[in-house]
């Protein structure tokens, strides 16, 4: 299922979030069709991507269900790394999986810049070789210390070291790359959930924002 769009309308010192742009402002009753460009509805970009269309990326999705359907904000998350074709390599108690489906709604962190020609060519073979290592056999899995995140970050650091760059700790990688995107996703999810129960969600603007 495709999620309905989230729209934002700015009017009468408030932000109005909705699924469909209303003809009149639900906060003040003013005619939005006469309000000009400033009150034109803006579609918010979804932070979720079709993971299998995101090559050479770090992906995050709920372990079960999807972010927009069934995720409560606290359930376990699962991570993986895509190859150049969007196949997601991910590790759990059954070992390494190569998934061609199931990651259609993911938070995506691109890992390779377009000018990294050599790495672009080597990525698939590096990922496949890495996934065959003994460290990722099923019996090595441990929920807290040797899990899907361990697998994905270890591959990222393998690539970084090969390029002469220092390894990233779990904390540093999370702080620099994961948290900015999960915070954005959390805000979007909050709006999505509000609009599941009400037609409009109105947020008054702070004084300093009203004239900006």
Protein backbone atom coordinates (compact mmCIF):
# COMPACT_ATOMS: atom_id res chain seq x y z
CA UNK A 1 0.00 0.00 0.00
CA UNK A 2 1.17 3.50 -0.83
CA UNK A 3 0.86 5.96 2.03
CA UNK A 4 -1.18 9.08 1.38
CA UNK A 5 0.76 12.32 1.12
CA UNK A 6 1.25 14.63 4.08
CA UNK A 7 0.68 18.28 3.13
CA UNK A 8 1.65 21.41 5.06
CA UNK A 9 -0.20 24.73 4.75
CA UNK A 10 1.09 27.88 6.46
CA UNK A 11 -1.63 30.36 7.41
CA UNK A 12 -2.76 32.62 10.25
CA UNK A 13 0.31 32.07 12.41
CA UNK A 14 -0.01 28.30 12.27
CA UNK A 15 1.14 25.28 10.32
CA UNK A 16 -1.73 23.08 9.22
CA UNK A 17 -0.90 19.47 8.33
CA UNK A 18 -3.43 17.49 6.32
CA UNK A 19 -3.92 14.82 3.65
CA UNK A 20 -5.85 17.05 1.23
CA UNK A 21 -5.55 20.82 0.97
CA UNK A 22 -8.74 22.42 2.38
CA UNK A 23 -10.43 25.39 0.65
CA UNK A 24 -10.63 27.21 4.00
CA UNK A 25 -8.13 27.38 6.85
CA UNK A 26 -9.28 25.07 9.67
CA UNK A 27 -7.62 27.36 12.22
CA UNK A 28 -9.24 30.71 11.28
CA UNK A 29 -11.80 29.95 8.57
CA UNK A 30 -10.06 32.18 6.03
CA UNK A 31 -10.28 31.38 2.31
CA UNK A 32 -6.99 29.70 1.38
CA UNK A 33 -7.68 30.11 -2.33
CA UNK A 34 -7.36 33.87 -1.85
CA UNK A 35 -4.29 33.66 0.40
CA UNK A 36 -1.69 33.58 -2.35
CA UNK A 37 1.51 31.63 -2.76
CA UNK A 38 2.49 31.86 0.92
CA UNK A 39 -0.42 29.58 1.84
CA UNK A 40 0.04 27.14 -1.03
CA UNK A 41 0.15 23.52 0.20
CA UNK A 42 3.60 21.94 0.32
CA UNK A 43 3.96 18.18 0.09
CA UNK A 44 6.35 16.80 2.71
CA UNK A 45 8.90 14.37 1.35
CA UNK A 46 8.64 10.92 2.87
CA UNK A 47 11.85 9.88 4.64
CA UNK A 48 11.26 6.29 3.56
CA UNK A 49 12.70 4.85 0.36
CA UNK A 50 12.23 1.67 -1.66
CA UNK A 51 15.38 0.00 -0.35
CA UNK A 52 15.83 -2.31 -3.33
CA UNK A 53 16.16 0.77 -5.52
CA UNK A 54 18.96 2.20 -3.38
CA UNK A 55 22.29 0.65 -4.41
CA UNK A 56 25.28 0.53 -2.04
CA UNK A 57 23.40 1.83 0.96
CA UNK A 58 22.82 1.17 4.65
CA UNK A 59 19.12 0.42 5.19
CA UNK A 60 16.95 0.42 8.31
CA UNK A 61 13.46 -1.06 8.61
CA UNK A 62 11.28 -2.55 11.37
CA UNK A 63 12.03 -6.20 12.09
CA UNK A 64 8.35 -6.90 11.40
CA UNK A 65 5.79 -4.81 9.52
CA UNK A 66 6.63 -1.43 8.00
CA UNK A 67 7.20 2.04 9.41
CA UNK A 68 3.88 3.43 8.18
CA UNK A 69 1.78 0.36 8.95
CA UNK A 70 2.14 -1.20 12.37
CA UNK A 71 5.35 0.36 13.73
CA UNK A 72 4.87 1.76 17.25
CA UNK A 73 8.12 3.71 17.49
CA UNK A 74 9.70 1.27 19.92
CA UNK A 75 9.77 -2.12 18.19
CA UNK A 76 13.05 -3.67 17.09
CA UNK A 77 14.71 -2.43 13.92
CA UNK A 78 16.69 -4.45 11.39
CA UNK A 79 19.53 -3.18 9.20
CA UNK A 80 21.26 -4.33 6.04
CA UNK A 81 23.58 -3.30 3.20
CA UNK A 82 22.56 -3.24 -0.46
CA UNK A 83 24.72 -4.34 -3.35
CA UNK A 84 24.71 -2.54 -6.71
CA UNK A 85 21.45 -4.28 -7.70
CA UNK A 86 19.55 -3.44 -4.51
CA UNK A 87 19.85 -6.92 -3.01
CA UNK A 88 19.94 -6.45 0.78
CA UNK A 89 22.61 -8.39 2.68
CA UNK A 90 21.48 -8.74 6.29
CA UNK A 91 22.42 -10.91 9.24
CA UNK A 92 20.30 -12.60 11.90
CA UNK A 93 20.16 -15.83 13.89
CA UNK A 94 19.85 -17.79 10.64
CA UNK A 95 23.01 -16.25 9.21
CA UNK A 96 23.37 -13.92 6.21
CA UNK A 97 20.38 -13.34 3.94
CA UNK A 98 20.39 -11.84 0.46
CA UNK A 99 16.94 -10.29 0.18
CA UNK A 100 15.36 -9.19 -3.09
CA UNK A 101 12.16 -8.05 -1.37
CA UNK A 102 10.91 -6.94 2.03
CA UNK A 103 12.79 -3.63 2.25
CA UNK A 104 10.38 -1.55 0.22
CA UNK A 105 9.96 1.02 3.02
CA UNK A 106 13.34 1.79 4.54
CA UNK A 107 15.42 4.59 5.96
CA UNK A 108 18.35 4.84 3.55
CA UNK A 109 21.91 6.03 4.16
CA UNK A 110 23.96 6.11 0.92
CA UNK A 111 27.49 4.82 1.44
CA UNK A 112 29.32 5.48 -1.84
CA UNK A 113 29.82 8.79 -3.65
CA UNK A 114 29.44 8.81 -7.47
CA UNK A 115 33.14 9.72 -7.94
CA UNK A 116 34.43 6.63 -6.07
CA UNK A 117 34.90 4.71 -9.32
CA UNK A 118 37.05 1.89 -7.99
CA UNK A 119 34.78 1.22 -5.03
CA UNK A 120 31.70 1.29 -7.27
CA UNK A 121 33.22 -1.54 -9.32
CA UNK A 122 34.42 -3.59 -6.34
CA UNK A 123 31.43 -3.18 -4.04
CA UNK A 124 29.53 -6.36 -4.93
CA UNK A 125 32.51 -8.69 -4.71
CA UNK A 126 33.65 -7.10 -1.43
CA UNK A 127 30.19 -7.50 0.09
CA UNK A 128 29.79 -11.08 -1.06
CA UNK A 129 33.24 -12.09 0.22
CA UNK A 130 32.60 -10.36 3.53
CA UNK A 131 29.25 -12.11 3.97
CA UNK A 132 30.89 -15.54 3.60
CA UNK A 133 33.27 -15.04 6.51
CA UNK A 134 33.01 -17.32 9.52
CA UNK A 135 32.06 -14.41 11.79
CA UNK A 136 28.60 -14.36 10.20
CA UNK A 137 27.68 -18.01 10.65
CA UNK A 138 24.31 -18.52 12.39
CA UNK A 139 25.75 -19.79 15.67
CA UNK A 140 27.84 -16.65 16.07
CA UNK A 141 24.76 -14.45 16.27
CA UNK A 142 24.13 -12.79 19.62
CA UNK A 143 21.22 -10.39 20.01
CA UNK A 144 23.05 -7.60 21.84
CA UNK A 145 26.70 -7.84 20.80
CA UNK A 146 26.90 -9.61 17.43
CA UNK A 147 23.84 -8.75 15.40
CA UNK A 148 22.61 -7.14 12.17
CA UNK A 149 24.13 -3.76 13.11
CA UNK A 150 27.46 -5.42 13.92
CA UNK A 151 27.46 -7.01 10.47
CA UNK A 152 26.59 -3.83 8.58
CA UNK A 153 28.97 -1.55 10.47
CA UNK A 154 31.81 -4.08 10.21
CA UNK A 155 31.42 -4.01 6.43
CA UNK A 156 31.36 -0.22 6.37
CA UNK A 157 34.57 -0.17 8.42
CA UNK A 158 36.20 -2.83 6.21
CA UNK A 159 35.64 -0.54 3.23
CA UNK A 160 36.81 2.55 5.13
CA UNK A 161 40.07 0.89 6.23
CA UNK A 162 40.76 -0.28 2.66
CA UNK A 163 40.52 3.37 1.62
CA UNK A 164 42.89 4.47 4.39
CA UNK A 165 40.17 5.93 6.59
CA UNK A 166 39.69 5.25 10.31
CA UNK A 167 37.01 2.87 11.52
CA UNK A 168 33.85 4.33 13.03
CA UNK A 169 32.56 3.25 16.43
CA UNK A 170 28.93 2.23 16.71
CA UNK A 171 28.29 5.43 18.67
CA UNK A 172 29.97 7.67 16.09
CA UNK A 173 28.23 6.04 13.12
CA UNK A 174 24.87 6.26 14.89
CA UNK A 175 25.38 9.90 15.89
CA UNK A 176 26.64 11.05 12.50
CA UNK A 177 24.57 9.02 10.06
CA UNK A 178 21.68 7.18 11.71
CA UNK A 179 20.20 9.67 14.18
CA UNK A 180 19.65 12.56 11.73
CA UNK A 181 17.57 10.29 9.51
CA UNK A 182 15.71 8.50 12.29
CA UNK A 183 14.78 11.85 13.86
CA UNK A 184 13.39 13.02 10.53
CA UNK A 185 11.51 9.73 10.18
CA UNK A 186 10.14 10.05 13.71
CA UNK A 187 8.72 13.52 12.99
CA UNK A 188 7.11 12.28 9.78
CA UNK A 189 5.68 9.21 11.53
CA UNK A 190 4.22 11.40 14.26
CA UNK A 191 2.38 13.49 11.66
CA UNK A 192 1.27 10.36 9.82
CA UNK A 193 -0.19 8.92 13.04
CA UNK A 194 -1.89 12.19 13.99
CA UNK A 195 -3.58 12.34 10.61
CA UNK A 196 -4.83 8.78 10.97
CA UNK A 197 -7.19 10.08 13.68
CA UNK A 198 -7.98 13.63 12.60
CA UNK A 199 -8.39 15.51 9.32
CA UNK A 200 -6.13 18.38 10.36
CA UNK A 201 -3.20 18.73 12.74
CA UNK A 202 -2.55 22.37 13.65
CA UNK A 203 0.74 23.61 15.12
CA UNK A 204 0.87 27.29 16.25
CA UNK A 205 4.03 29.06 15.13
CA UNK A 206 6.35 30.57 17.71
CA UNK A 207 6.49 34.40 17.68
CA UNK A 208 9.90 34.52 15.99
CA UNK A 209 8.76 32.16 13.23
CA UNK A 210 5.61 34.03 12.28
CA UNK A 211 7.37 36.69 10.24
CA UNK A 212 10.23 34.55 8.87
